[in-house]
């Protein structure tokens, strides 16, 4: 018998109250940060383009929380990813102060925060795709699961790069802050490579931890 039952069996949330509160606390933190990030944003259009994923994803997770609750591990990672996106939207990726600090300390030529953003673009979606496939498809336990997860993350990264291309074509110089290339002609390739590295590292580092998180979700979601 599979260790992970179908998603429908996880609809009853019988976790201890402290654990049930974790997703709610994370949602409040992300929503509050998102609202405050809109004030004083370096470029309002960039803020909107970078945070629209949070605006779409957070309500979807909240609305589906009873029908399809996510593992605590994935909730934490999604919240961290959301905060990375929000910071990039508020300051623009090329001007995030933490990235400037790292650039100056390491003697880099550019603010590396954009690279972090694209590493996260692979690292976190890898666990999201894996959780969806493990719980809703015949791929749980299959050797095809890891490569398909990586391919899905690369597809998402490529789609995002095409959206950036569309923004550049339609917005001209107004889209420069959103693109965040910082003069690097290979920025698109670096972005997709970072997403690839992030996805692979996520699977290598967190697969067993994720399996345990899914097992806990299963054991507390059934009578």
N, C-alpha and C. Protein backbone atom coordinates (compact mmCIF):
# COMPACT_ATOMS: atom_id res chain seq x y z
N UNK A 1 0.85 -1.21 0.00
CA UNK A 1 0.00 0.00 0.00
C UNK A 1 0.87 1.25 0.00
N UNK A 2 0.47 2.25 -0.73
CA UNK A 2 1.27 3.48 -0.82
C UNK A 2 1.28 4.21 0.51
N UNK A 3 2.38 4.89 0.79
CA UNK A 3 2.50 5.65 2.04
C UNK A 3 1.64 6.89 2.01
N UNK A 4 1.26 7.33 0.83
CA UNK A 4 0.52 8.58 0.70
C UNK A 4 -0.82 8.31 0.05
N UNK A 5 -1.94 8.52 0.76
CA UNK A 5 -3.25 8.31 0.16
C UNK A 5 -3.62 9.44 -0.74
N UNK A 6 -4.71 9.28 -1.52
CA UNK A 6 -5.17 10.35 -2.40
C UNK A 6 -5.44 11.62 -1.63
N UNK A 7 -5.40 12.76 -2.36
CA UNK A 7 -5.56 14.06 -1.71
C UNK A 7 -6.89 14.16 -1.00
N UNK A 8 -7.94 13.50 -1.51
CA UNK A 8 -9.25 13.62 -0.89
C UNK A 8 -9.24 13.10 0.53
N UNK A 9 -8.36 12.13 0.84
CA UNK A 9 -8.30 11.57 2.19
C UNK A 9 -7.68 12.53 3.18
N UNK A 10 -7.10 13.62 2.69
CA UNK A 10 -6.41 14.56 3.57
C UNK A 10 -7.28 15.76 3.90
N UNK A 11 -8.55 15.72 3.57
CA UNK A 11 -9.40 16.89 3.74
C UNK A 11 -9.72 17.18 5.19
N UNK A 12 -9.72 16.15 6.06
CA UNK A 12 -10.00 16.38 7.48
C UNK A 12 -8.72 16.83 8.16
N UNK A 13 -8.74 18.02 8.70
CA UNK A 13 -7.53 18.55 9.32
C UNK A 13 -7.61 18.31 10.82
N UNK A 14 -6.96 17.25 11.30
CA UNK A 14 -7.00 16.92 12.71
C UNK A 14 -5.66 17.17 13.38
N UNK A 15 -4.86 18.05 12.82
CA UNK A 15 -3.59 18.38 13.42
C UNK A 15 -3.81 19.14 14.72
N UNK A 16 -2.83 19.11 15.62
CA UNK A 16 -2.93 19.93 16.83
C UNK A 16 -3.15 21.40 16.46
N UNK A 17 -3.80 22.12 17.37
CA UNK A 17 -4.16 23.51 17.08
C UNK A 17 -2.94 24.35 16.72
N UNK A 18 -1.80 24.09 17.40
CA UNK A 18 -0.60 24.89 17.12
C UNK A 18 -0.12 24.69 15.70
N UNK A 19 -0.25 23.46 15.17
CA UNK A 19 0.19 23.19 13.81
C UNK A 19 -0.83 23.70 12.80
N UNK A 20 -2.12 23.68 13.16
CA UNK A 20 -3.13 24.22 12.26
C UNK A 20 -2.96 25.71 12.09
N UNK A 21 -2.41 26.36 13.11
CA UNK A 21 -2.24 27.82 13.06
C UNK A 21 -1.09 28.24 12.17
N UNK A 22 -0.13 27.36 11.95
CA UNK A 22 1.06 27.75 11.18
C UNK A 22 0.73 28.31 9.82
N UNK A 23 -0.08 27.63 8.97
CA UNK A 23 -0.41 28.22 7.67
C UNK A 23 -1.10 29.57 7.79
N UNK A 24 -1.97 29.72 8.80
CA UNK A 24 -2.68 30.99 8.98
C UNK A 24 -1.70 32.11 9.35
N UNK A 25 -0.78 31.80 10.25
CA UNK A 25 0.23 32.80 10.65
C UNK A 25 1.09 33.20 9.46
N UNK A 26 1.51 32.22 8.69
CA UNK A 26 2.33 32.51 7.51
C UNK A 26 1.55 33.36 6.51
N UNK A 27 0.27 33.05 6.30
CA UNK A 27 -0.55 33.82 5.36
C UNK A 27 -0.69 35.26 5.82
N UNK A 28 -0.88 35.47 7.12
CA UNK A 28 -1.01 36.83 7.66
C UNK A 28 0.29 37.60 7.48
N UNK A 29 1.42 36.94 7.77
CA UNK A 29 2.73 37.61 7.62
C UNK A 29 2.95 38.02 6.17
N UNK A 30 2.67 37.12 5.24
CA UNK A 30 2.89 37.41 3.82
C UNK A 30 1.95 38.52 3.35
N UNK A 31 0.68 38.43 3.71
CA UNK A 31 -0.30 39.43 3.28
C UNK A 31 0.04 40.81 3.84
N UNK A 32 0.43 40.85 5.12
CA UNK A 32 0.78 42.14 5.73
C UNK A 32 2.02 42.75 5.07
N UNK A 33 3.02 41.91 4.84
CA UNK A 33 4.24 42.39 4.19
C UNK A 33 3.94 42.89 2.78
N UNK A 34 3.08 42.18 2.07
CA UNK A 34 2.71 42.58 0.71
C UNK A 34 2.07 43.96 0.71
N UNK A 35 1.14 44.18 1.62
CA UNK A 35 0.45 45.48 1.68
C UNK A 35 1.43 46.61 1.97
N UNK A 36 2.28 46.41 2.97
CA UNK A 36 3.22 47.47 3.33
C UNK A 36 4.27 47.69 2.25
N UNK A 37 4.59 46.65 1.48
CA UNK A 37 5.61 46.79 0.43
C UNK A 37 5.15 47.70 -0.70
N UNK A 38 3.85 47.88 -0.82
CA UNK A 38 3.34 48.75 -1.89
C UNK A 38 3.67 50.21 -1.63
N UNK A 39 3.82 50.57 -0.35
CA UNK A 39 4.10 51.97 0.00
C UNK A 39 5.60 52.25 -0.19
N UNK A 40 5.89 53.26 -0.96
CA UNK A 40 7.28 53.63 -1.20
C UNK A 40 8.03 52.70 -2.11
N UNK A 41 7.32 51.89 -2.88
CA UNK A 41 7.99 50.98 -3.82
C UNK A 41 8.81 51.80 -4.82
N UNK A 42 10.00 51.30 -5.15
CA UNK A 42 10.89 52.03 -6.05
C UNK A 42 10.27 52.25 -7.42
N UNK A 43 9.52 51.27 -7.91
CA UNK A 43 8.87 51.38 -9.21
C UNK A 43 7.53 50.64 -9.11
N UNK A 44 6.41 51.35 -9.09
CA UNK A 44 5.10 50.71 -8.90
C UNK A 44 4.80 49.60 -9.91
N UNK A 45 5.19 49.78 -11.17
CA UNK A 45 4.94 48.76 -12.18
C UNK A 45 5.74 47.50 -11.87
N UNK A 46 7.00 47.67 -11.50
CA UNK A 46 7.83 46.53 -11.15
C UNK A 46 7.26 45.81 -9.93
N UNK A 47 6.82 46.59 -8.94
CA UNK A 47 6.22 45.99 -7.74
C UNK A 47 5.03 45.11 -8.14
N UNK A 48 4.18 45.61 -9.02
CA UNK A 48 3.01 44.85 -9.44
C UNK A 48 3.41 43.58 -10.19
N UNK A 49 4.35 43.70 -11.11
CA UNK A 49 4.75 42.56 -11.92
C UNK A 49 5.44 41.48 -11.08
N UNK A 50 6.20 41.91 -10.08
CA UNK A 50 6.93 40.93 -9.28
C UNK A 50 6.05 40.27 -8.22
N UNK A 51 5.05 40.98 -7.72
CA UNK A 51 4.24 40.45 -6.63
C UNK A 51 2.91 39.86 -7.08
N UNK A 52 2.61 39.92 -8.37
CA UNK A 52 1.33 39.39 -8.84
C UNK A 52 1.23 37.90 -8.55
N UNK A 53 2.37 37.19 -8.53
CA UNK A 53 2.34 35.77 -8.21
C UNK A 53 1.85 35.55 -6.77
N UNK A 54 2.25 36.43 -5.88
CA UNK A 54 1.79 36.34 -4.48
C UNK A 54 0.30 36.67 -4.41
N UNK A 55 -0.11 37.68 -5.15
CA UNK A 55 -1.52 38.07 -5.14
C UNK A 55 -2.43 36.97 -5.66
N UNK A 56 -1.94 36.18 -6.59
CA UNK A 56 -2.73 35.08 -7.14
C UNK A 56 -2.61 33.80 -6.29
N UNK A 57 -1.39 33.53 -5.85
CA UNK A 57 -1.15 32.28 -5.15
C UNK A 57 -1.70 32.23 -3.74
N UNK A 58 -1.57 33.33 -2.99
CA UNK A 58 -2.01 33.32 -1.60
C UNK A 58 -3.52 33.08 -1.47
N UNK A 59 -4.36 33.80 -2.21
CA UNK A 59 -5.81 33.51 -2.12
C UNK A 59 -6.16 32.08 -2.54
N UNK A 60 -5.46 31.57 -3.56
CA UNK A 60 -5.74 30.21 -4.02
C UNK A 60 -5.45 29.19 -2.92
N UNK A 61 -4.32 29.36 -2.23
CA UNK A 61 -3.97 28.44 -1.15
C UNK A 61 -4.97 28.53 -0.01
N UNK A 62 -5.39 29.75 0.32
CA UNK A 62 -6.35 29.94 1.41
C UNK A 62 -7.70 29.30 1.05
N UNK A 63 -8.15 29.51 -0.18
CA UNK A 63 -9.45 28.98 -0.60
C UNK A 63 -9.46 27.45 -0.66
N UNK A 64 -8.30 26.86 -0.96
CA UNK A 64 -8.23 25.41 -1.10
C UNK A 64 -7.70 24.70 0.15
N UNK A 65 -7.54 25.46 1.24
CA UNK A 65 -6.85 24.90 2.40
C UNK A 65 -7.57 23.71 3.02
N UNK A 66 -8.90 23.66 2.94
CA UNK A 66 -9.63 22.54 3.53
C UNK A 66 -9.71 21.36 2.57
N UNK A 67 -9.87 21.65 1.29
CA UNK A 67 -9.97 20.58 0.30
C UNK A 67 -8.61 19.97 0.02
N UNK A 68 -7.56 20.79 0.01
CA UNK A 68 -6.23 20.30 -0.33
C UNK A 68 -5.20 21.02 0.53
N UNK A 69 -5.11 20.66 1.83
CA UNK A 69 -4.12 21.31 2.70
C UNK A 69 -2.71 20.95 2.28
N UNK A 70 -1.84 21.90 2.34
CA UNK A 70 -0.44 21.66 1.98
C UNK A 70 0.36 21.27 3.21
N UNK A 71 1.45 20.57 2.99
CA UNK A 71 2.32 20.20 4.10
C UNK A 71 2.92 21.45 4.72
N UNK A 72 3.25 21.34 6.01
CA UNK A 72 3.83 22.49 6.70
C UNK A 72 5.14 22.93 6.06
N UNK A 73 5.95 21.96 5.64
CA UNK A 73 7.22 22.30 4.99
C UNK A 73 6.98 23.15 3.76
N UNK A 74 6.03 22.76 2.93
CA UNK A 74 5.76 23.52 1.71
C UNK A 74 5.20 24.89 2.04
N UNK A 75 4.36 24.98 3.07
CA UNK A 75 3.81 26.29 3.46
C UNK A 75 4.92 27.25 3.86
N UNK A 76 5.88 26.75 4.62
CA UNK A 76 7.00 27.61 5.05
C UNK A 76 7.81 28.06 3.84
N UNK A 77 8.12 27.14 2.94
CA UNK A 77 8.91 27.49 1.76
C UNK A 77 8.18 28.47 0.86
N UNK A 78 6.88 28.29 0.69
CA UNK A 78 6.11 29.22 -0.13
C UNK A 78 6.10 30.60 0.49
N UNK A 79 6.01 30.67 1.81
CA UNK A 79 6.03 31.97 2.49
C UNK A 79 7.38 32.67 2.30
N UNK A 80 8.47 31.91 2.44
CA UNK A 80 9.81 32.48 2.23
C UNK A 80 9.95 32.98 0.80
N UNK A 81 9.50 32.17 -0.15
CA UNK A 81 9.57 32.58 -1.56
C UNK A 81 8.76 33.85 -1.79
N UNK A 82 7.59 33.93 -1.18
CA UNK A 82 6.76 35.12 -1.33
C UNK A 82 7.48 36.36 -0.80
N UNK A 83 8.16 36.23 0.33
CA UNK A 83 8.88 37.37 0.90
C UNK A 83 10.05 37.79 0.00
N UNK A 84 10.71 36.82 -0.63
CA UNK A 84 11.77 37.14 -1.59
C UNK A 84 11.20 37.94 -2.76
N UNK A 85 10.06 37.51 -3.28
CA UNK A 85 9.42 38.22 -4.39
C UNK A 85 8.99 39.62 -3.96
N UNK A 86 8.45 39.73 -2.77
CA UNK A 86 7.96 41.03 -2.29
C UNK A 86 9.12 42.02 -2.14
N UNK A 87 10.23 41.54 -1.57
CA UNK A 87 11.40 42.42 -1.43
C UNK A 87 11.91 42.87 -2.79
N UNK A 88 11.97 41.93 -3.74
CA UNK A 88 12.41 42.29 -5.09
C UNK A 88 11.48 43.27 -5.75
N UNK A 89 10.18 43.13 -5.49
CA UNK A 89 9.22 44.06 -6.06
C UNK A 89 9.31 45.44 -5.44
N UNK A 90 9.55 45.50 -4.13
CA UNK A 90 9.60 46.79 -3.44
C UNK A 90 10.83 47.61 -3.85
N UNK A 91 11.98 46.96 -3.87
CA UNK A 91 13.23 47.69 -4.15
C UNK A 91 13.63 47.64 -5.62
N UNK A 92 13.11 46.70 -6.39
CA UNK A 92 13.58 46.18 -7.67
C UNK A 92 14.79 45.28 -7.36
N UNK A 93 14.93 44.21 -8.12
CA UNK A 93 15.94 43.20 -7.81
C UNK A 93 17.36 43.74 -7.84
N UNK A 94 17.60 44.72 -8.68
CA UNK A 94 18.96 45.26 -8.80
C UNK A 94 19.33 46.20 -7.66
N UNK A 95 18.33 46.56 -6.83
CA UNK A 95 18.59 47.56 -5.80
C UNK A 95 18.26 47.07 -4.39
N UNK A 96 18.03 45.78 -4.21
CA UNK A 96 17.73 45.27 -2.87
C UNK A 96 18.95 45.49 -1.97
N UNK A 97 18.80 46.16 -0.83
CA UNK A 97 19.95 46.49 0.03
C UNK A 97 20.77 45.28 0.45
N UNK A 98 20.11 44.17 0.76
CA UNK A 98 20.86 42.97 1.17
C UNK A 98 21.76 42.50 0.04
N UNK A 99 21.29 42.61 -1.20
CA UNK A 99 22.11 42.24 -2.34
C UNK A 99 23.29 43.18 -2.52
N UNK A 100 23.07 44.46 -2.28
CA UNK A 100 24.18 45.42 -2.36
C UNK A 100 25.24 45.09 -1.32
N UNK A 101 24.79 44.69 -0.11
CA UNK A 101 25.74 44.36 0.95
C UNK A 101 26.59 43.16 0.54
N UNK A 102 25.94 42.13 -0.01
CA UNK A 102 26.68 40.94 -0.45
C UNK A 102 27.64 41.30 -1.59
N UNK A 103 27.18 42.13 -2.53
CA UNK A 103 28.05 42.55 -3.64
C UNK A 103 29.29 43.24 -3.13
N UNK A 104 29.11 44.16 -2.18
CA UNK A 104 30.26 44.92 -1.67
C UNK A 104 31.21 44.04 -0.86
N UNK A 105 30.64 43.14 -0.07
CA UNK A 105 31.49 42.29 0.77
C UNK A 105 32.28 41.28 -0.05
N UNK A 106 31.67 40.78 -1.11
CA UNK A 106 32.33 39.75 -1.92
C UNK A 106 33.02 40.31 -3.15
N UNK A 107 32.92 41.61 -3.37
CA UNK A 107 33.56 42.22 -4.51
C UNK A 107 32.96 41.81 -5.84
N UNK A 108 31.64 41.60 -5.86
CA UNK A 108 30.97 41.19 -7.09
C UNK A 108 30.71 42.38 -7.99
N UNK A 109 30.45 42.11 -9.25
CA UNK A 109 30.19 43.18 -10.21
C UNK A 109 28.74 43.63 -10.22
N UNK A 110 27.84 42.82 -9.68
CA UNK A 110 26.42 43.15 -9.73
C UNK A 110 25.73 42.71 -8.44
N UNK A 111 24.58 43.27 -8.20
CA UNK A 111 23.74 42.86 -7.07
C UNK A 111 23.24 41.44 -7.35
N UNK A 112 23.55 40.47 -6.46
CA UNK A 112 23.20 39.07 -6.74
C UNK A 112 21.80 38.67 -6.31
N UNK A 113 20.99 39.62 -5.85
CA UNK A 113 19.67 39.26 -5.35
C UNK A 113 18.81 38.61 -6.43
N UNK A 114 18.99 39.04 -7.66
CA UNK A 114 18.24 38.46 -8.78
C UNK A 114 18.57 36.97 -8.92
N UNK A 115 19.83 36.62 -8.72
CA UNK A 115 20.22 35.21 -8.78
C UNK A 115 19.53 34.41 -7.67
N UNK A 116 19.47 35.00 -6.48
CA UNK A 116 18.76 34.35 -5.39
C UNK A 116 17.29 34.12 -5.75
N UNK A 117 16.68 35.15 -6.35
CA UNK A 117 15.28 35.03 -6.74
C UNK A 117 15.05 33.87 -7.70
N UNK A 118 15.97 33.68 -8.63
CA UNK A 118 15.79 32.61 -9.60
C UNK A 118 16.19 31.25 -9.05
N UNK A 119 17.10 31.20 -8.09
CA UNK A 119 17.33 29.95 -7.37
C UNK A 119 16.07 29.52 -6.64
N UNK A 120 15.41 30.49 -5.99
CA UNK A 120 14.16 30.19 -5.30
C UNK A 120 13.06 29.79 -6.29
N UNK A 121 13.13 30.33 -7.50
CA UNK A 121 12.15 30.00 -8.53
C UNK A 121 12.21 28.53 -8.92
N UNK A 122 13.33 27.89 -8.67
CA UNK A 122 13.43 26.46 -8.88
C UNK A 122 13.29 25.68 -7.58
N UNK A 123 13.86 26.20 -6.50
CA UNK A 123 13.92 25.48 -5.23
C UNK A 123 12.53 25.22 -4.65
N UNK A 124 11.71 26.26 -4.59
CA UNK A 124 10.39 26.12 -3.96
C UNK A 124 9.37 25.45 -4.89
N UNK A 125 9.24 25.88 -6.15
CA UNK A 125 8.30 25.17 -7.03
C UNK A 125 8.60 23.68 -7.17
N UNK A 126 9.86 23.27 -7.00
CA UNK A 126 10.18 21.84 -7.08
C UNK A 126 9.40 21.06 -6.02
N UNK A 127 9.34 21.60 -4.79
CA UNK A 127 8.59 20.92 -3.74
C UNK A 127 7.09 21.03 -3.97
N UNK A 128 6.65 22.16 -4.54
CA UNK A 128 5.23 22.30 -4.84
C UNK A 128 4.79 21.29 -5.90
N UNK A 129 5.55 21.19 -6.99
CA UNK A 129 5.23 20.23 -8.05
C UNK A 129 5.31 18.80 -7.51
N UNK A 130 6.34 18.53 -6.73
CA UNK A 130 6.50 17.18 -6.18
C UNK A 130 5.31 16.81 -5.31
N UNK A 131 4.87 17.73 -4.46
CA UNK A 131 3.74 17.44 -3.58
C UNK A 131 2.47 17.19 -4.39
N UNK A 132 2.25 17.98 -5.40
CA UNK A 132 1.06 17.79 -6.23
C UNK A 132 1.09 16.43 -6.94
N UNK A 133 2.25 16.08 -7.48
CA UNK A 133 2.35 14.82 -8.21
C UNK A 133 2.27 13.61 -7.28
N UNK A 134 2.92 13.70 -6.13
CA UNK A 134 2.89 12.59 -5.18
C UNK A 134 1.47 12.31 -4.71
N UNK A 135 0.69 13.36 -4.53
CA UNK A 135 -0.64 13.21 -3.94
C UNK A 135 -1.76 13.02 -4.96
N UNK A 136 -1.50 13.31 -6.22
CA UNK A 136 -2.61 13.28 -7.18
C UNK A 136 -2.33 12.45 -8.43
N UNK A 137 -1.16 11.83 -8.52
CA UNK A 137 -0.83 11.12 -9.75
C UNK A 137 -0.26 9.74 -9.43
N UNK A 138 -0.13 8.88 -10.43
CA UNK A 138 0.48 7.56 -10.22
C UNK A 138 2.00 7.61 -10.08
N UNK A 139 2.58 8.80 -10.03
CA UNK A 139 4.04 8.93 -10.05
C UNK A 139 4.68 8.77 -8.68
N UNK A 140 3.90 8.68 -7.61
CA UNK A 140 4.51 8.55 -6.29
C UNK A 140 5.36 7.27 -6.25
N UNK A 141 6.61 7.43 -5.84
CA UNK A 141 7.53 6.32 -5.80
C UNK A 141 8.19 5.99 -7.13
N UNK A 142 7.82 6.69 -8.19
CA UNK A 142 8.39 6.39 -9.50
C UNK A 142 9.74 7.06 -9.67
N UNK A 143 10.63 6.41 -10.40
CA UNK A 143 11.93 7.01 -10.70
C UNK A 143 11.79 8.19 -11.67
N UNK A 144 10.63 8.29 -12.31
CA UNK A 144 10.39 9.41 -13.22
C UNK A 144 10.00 10.69 -12.48
N UNK A 145 9.65 10.58 -11.22
CA UNK A 145 9.18 11.76 -10.48
C UNK A 145 10.22 12.88 -10.42
N UNK A 146 11.47 12.62 -9.98
CA UNK A 146 12.44 13.72 -9.90
C UNK A 146 12.70 14.41 -11.24
N UNK A 147 12.99 13.67 -12.34
CA UNK A 147 13.25 14.39 -13.59
C UNK A 147 12.04 15.17 -14.09
N UNK A 148 10.84 14.66 -13.88
CA UNK A 148 9.65 15.40 -14.31
C UNK A 148 9.45 16.66 -13.48
N UNK A 149 9.77 16.59 -12.19
CA UNK A 149 9.70 17.78 -11.34
C UNK A 149 10.67 18.84 -11.84
N UNK A 150 11.89 18.44 -12.15
CA UNK A 150 12.90 19.39 -12.65
C UNK A 150 12.44 19.99 -13.98
N UNK A 151 11.90 19.15 -14.86
CA UNK A 151 11.42 19.65 -16.16
C UNK A 151 10.29 20.66 -15.97
N UNK A 152 9.41 20.41 -15.02
CA UNK A 152 8.31 21.35 -14.76
C UNK A 152 8.86 22.70 -14.28
N UNK A 153 9.87 22.65 -13.42
CA UNK A 153 10.47 23.90 -12.93
C UNK A 153 11.16 24.66 -14.05
N UNK A 154 11.85 23.94 -14.93
CA UNK A 154 12.48 24.59 -16.08
C UNK A 154 11.44 25.20 -17.01
N UNK A 155 10.32 24.50 -17.19
CA UNK A 155 9.24 25.03 -18.04
C UNK A 155 8.69 26.32 -17.44
N UNK A 156 8.50 26.33 -16.12
CA UNK A 156 8.00 27.55 -15.47
C UNK A 156 9.00 28.69 -15.61
N UNK A 157 10.30 28.38 -15.43
CA UNK A 157 11.33 29.40 -15.56
C UNK A 157 11.36 29.97 -16.98
N UNK A 158 11.26 29.09 -17.98
CA UNK A 158 11.25 29.55 -19.37
C UNK A 158 10.03 30.41 -19.66
N UNK A 159 8.89 30.02 -19.09
CA UNK A 159 7.67 30.82 -19.27
C UNK A 159 7.85 32.21 -18.67
N UNK A 160 8.47 32.27 -17.49
CA UNK A 160 8.72 33.56 -16.85
C UNK A 160 9.64 34.41 -17.70
N UNK A 161 10.66 33.80 -18.29
CA UNK A 161 11.58 34.56 -19.14
C UNK A 161 10.87 35.09 -20.37
N UNK A 162 9.91 34.35 -20.91
CA UNK A 162 9.14 34.84 -22.05
C UNK A 162 8.23 35.99 -21.64
N UNK A 163 7.74 35.94 -20.41
CA UNK A 163 6.95 37.07 -19.90
C UNK A 163 7.83 38.31 -19.77
N UNK A 164 9.07 38.12 -19.31
CA UNK A 164 10.01 39.24 -19.25
C UNK A 164 10.29 39.79 -20.64
N UNK A 165 10.46 38.91 -21.61
CA UNK A 165 10.66 39.33 -22.99
C UNK A 165 9.47 40.15 -23.49
N UNK A 166 8.25 39.68 -23.18
CA UNK A 166 7.05 40.42 -23.57
C UNK A 166 7.01 41.79 -22.91
N UNK A 167 7.41 41.85 -21.63
CA UNK A 167 7.44 43.13 -20.93
C UNK A 167 8.44 44.07 -21.57
N UNK A 168 9.58 43.52 -21.99
CA UNK A 168 10.60 44.36 -22.63
C UNK A 168 10.11 44.90 -23.96
N UNK A 169 9.42 44.06 -24.72
CA UNK A 169 8.93 44.47 -26.03
C UNK A 169 7.84 45.54 -25.90
N UNK A 170 6.94 45.36 -24.95
CA UNK A 170 5.81 46.28 -24.81
C UNK A 170 6.14 47.50 -23.97
N UNK A 171 7.04 47.33 -23.00
CA UNK A 171 7.30 48.42 -22.07
C UNK A 171 8.54 49.23 -22.36
N UNK A 172 9.44 48.73 -23.20
CA UNK A 172 10.67 49.45 -23.51
C UNK A 172 11.50 49.68 -22.27
N UNK A 173 12.03 50.89 -22.13
CA UNK A 173 12.88 51.21 -20.99
C UNK A 173 12.12 51.16 -19.68
N UNK A 174 10.79 51.31 -19.74
CA UNK A 174 9.99 51.25 -18.52
C UNK A 174 10.06 49.88 -17.87
N UNK A 175 10.43 48.86 -18.63
CA UNK A 175 10.49 47.49 -18.10
C UNK A 175 11.89 47.12 -17.60
N UNK A 176 12.84 48.03 -17.66
CA UNK A 176 14.22 47.71 -17.30
C UNK A 176 14.32 47.23 -15.85
N UNK A 177 13.60 47.89 -14.95
CA UNK A 177 13.67 47.52 -13.54
C UNK A 177 13.11 46.12 -13.32
N UNK A 178 12.09 45.76 -14.10
CA UNK A 178 11.50 44.43 -13.98
C UNK A 178 12.46 43.37 -14.51
N UNK A 179 13.14 43.67 -15.61
CA UNK A 179 14.07 42.70 -16.19
C UNK A 179 15.27 42.47 -15.30
N UNK A 180 15.82 43.52 -14.71
CA UNK A 180 16.92 43.39 -13.77
C UNK A 180 18.17 42.77 -14.37
N UNK A 181 18.42 42.99 -15.66
CA UNK A 181 19.58 42.36 -16.30
C UNK A 181 20.90 42.94 -15.83
N UNK A 182 20.91 44.17 -15.39
CA UNK A 182 22.12 44.86 -14.92
C UNK A 182 23.24 44.78 -15.95
N UNK A 183 22.86 44.87 -17.23
CA UNK A 183 23.85 44.90 -18.30
C UNK A 183 24.40 43.54 -18.73
N UNK A 184 23.89 42.46 -18.17
CA UNK A 184 24.39 41.13 -18.50
C UNK A 184 23.62 40.57 -19.69
N UNK A 185 24.31 40.36 -20.82
CA UNK A 185 23.64 39.87 -22.03
C UNK A 185 23.22 38.40 -21.87
N UNK A 186 23.80 37.70 -20.90
CA UNK A 186 23.45 36.30 -20.65
C UNK A 186 22.50 36.15 -19.47
N UNK A 187 21.83 37.22 -19.09
CA UNK A 187 21.00 37.18 -17.90
C UNK A 187 19.89 36.13 -18.00
N UNK A 188 19.25 36.01 -19.16
CA UNK A 188 18.18 35.04 -19.33
C UNK A 188 18.68 33.62 -19.11
N UNK A 189 19.85 33.31 -19.68
CA UNK A 189 20.41 31.97 -19.53
C UNK A 189 20.80 31.70 -18.07
N UNK A 190 21.37 32.70 -17.42
CA UNK A 190 21.73 32.57 -16.01
C UNK A 190 20.49 32.34 -15.16
N UNK A 191 19.41 33.06 -15.48
CA UNK A 191 18.18 32.92 -14.71
C UNK A 191 17.65 31.48 -14.78
N UNK A 192 17.61 30.92 -15.97
CA UNK A 192 17.10 29.56 -16.11
C UNK A 192 18.06 28.54 -15.49
N UNK A 193 19.37 28.79 -15.60
CA UNK A 193 20.34 27.90 -14.97
C UNK A 193 20.18 27.91 -13.44
N UNK A 194 19.96 29.10 -12.88
CA UNK A 194 19.76 29.20 -11.43
C UNK A 194 18.50 28.45 -11.00
N UNK A 195 17.44 28.54 -11.80
CA UNK A 195 16.22 27.79 -11.49
C UNK A 195 16.49 26.30 -11.53
N UNK A 196 17.27 25.85 -12.51
CA UNK A 196 17.64 24.44 -12.62
C UNK A 196 18.41 23.99 -11.38
N UNK A 197 19.42 24.76 -11.00
CA UNK A 197 20.22 24.43 -9.82
C UNK A 197 19.33 24.39 -8.57
N UNK A 198 18.44 25.37 -8.46
CA UNK A 198 17.55 25.40 -7.30
C UNK A 198 16.66 24.18 -7.22
N UNK A 199 16.10 23.77 -8.36
CA UNK A 199 15.21 22.60 -8.37
C UNK A 199 15.97 21.33 -7.99
N UNK A 200 17.16 21.15 -8.57
CA UNK A 200 17.95 19.95 -8.28
C UNK A 200 18.36 19.93 -6.81
N UNK A 201 18.82 21.06 -6.29
CA UNK A 201 19.23 21.13 -4.89
C UNK A 201 18.05 20.86 -3.96
N UNK A 202 16.89 21.36 -4.31
CA UNK A 202 15.70 21.13 -3.49
C UNK A 202 15.40 19.64 -3.36
N UNK A 203 15.45 18.93 -4.49
CA UNK A 203 15.16 17.50 -4.46
C UNK A 203 16.24 16.72 -3.71
N UNK A 204 17.50 17.11 -3.91
CA UNK A 204 18.59 16.41 -3.24
C UNK A 204 18.56 16.63 -1.73
N UNK A 205 18.22 17.84 -1.31
CA UNK A 205 18.30 18.18 0.11
C UNK A 205 17.02 17.89 0.89
N UNK A 206 15.87 17.97 0.23
CA UNK A 206 14.62 17.97 0.97
C UNK A 206 13.67 16.82 0.66
N UNK A 207 14.04 15.90 -0.22
CA UNK A 207 13.12 14.82 -0.57
C UNK A 207 12.70 14.02 0.66
N UNK A 208 13.66 13.59 1.47
CA UNK A 208 13.31 12.81 2.66
C UNK A 208 12.53 13.63 3.66
N UNK A 209 12.92 14.88 3.85
CA UNK A 209 12.19 15.76 4.77
C UNK A 209 10.76 15.96 4.26
N UNK A 210 10.63 16.12 2.96
CA UNK A 210 9.30 16.30 2.36
C UNK A 210 8.45 15.05 2.53
N UNK A 211 9.05 13.87 2.35
CA UNK A 211 8.31 12.63 2.55
C UNK A 211 7.78 12.53 3.98
N UNK A 212 8.60 12.93 4.94
CA UNK A 212 8.15 12.89 6.34
C UNK A 212 7.03 13.89 6.58
N UNK A 213 7.14 15.06 5.95
CA UNK A 213 6.08 16.06 6.10
C UNK A 213 4.77 15.56 5.49
N UNK A 214 4.87 14.88 4.36
CA UNK A 214 3.67 14.32 3.74
C UNK A 214 3.09 13.19 4.58
N UNK A 215 3.96 12.39 5.20
CA UNK A 215 3.49 11.31 6.06
C UNK A 215 2.74 11.88 7.27
N UNK A 216 3.26 12.97 7.85
CA UNK A 216 2.58 13.61 8.97
C UNK A 216 1.23 14.16 8.54
N UNK A 217 1.20 14.76 7.36
CA UNK A 217 -0.06 15.29 6.84
C UNK A 217 -1.07 14.17 6.64
N UNK A 218 -0.60 13.02 6.17
CA UNK A 218 -1.46 11.86 5.96
C UNK A 218 -2.00 11.33 7.28
N UNK A 219 -1.09 11.14 8.26
CA UNK A 219 -1.49 10.53 9.52
C UNK A 219 -2.44 11.39 10.31
N UNK A 220 -2.33 12.72 10.17
CA UNK A 220 -3.23 13.61 10.91
C UNK A 220 -4.45 13.98 10.10
N UNK A 221 -4.48 13.58 8.83
CA UNK A 221 -5.63 13.93 8.00
C UNK A 221 -6.63 12.81 7.86
N UNK A 222 -6.39 11.65 8.53
CA UNK A 222 -7.28 10.52 8.44
C UNK A 222 -7.80 10.16 9.81
N UNK A 223 -8.98 9.52 9.82
CA UNK A 223 -9.53 9.01 11.09
C UNK A 223 -8.68 7.83 11.56
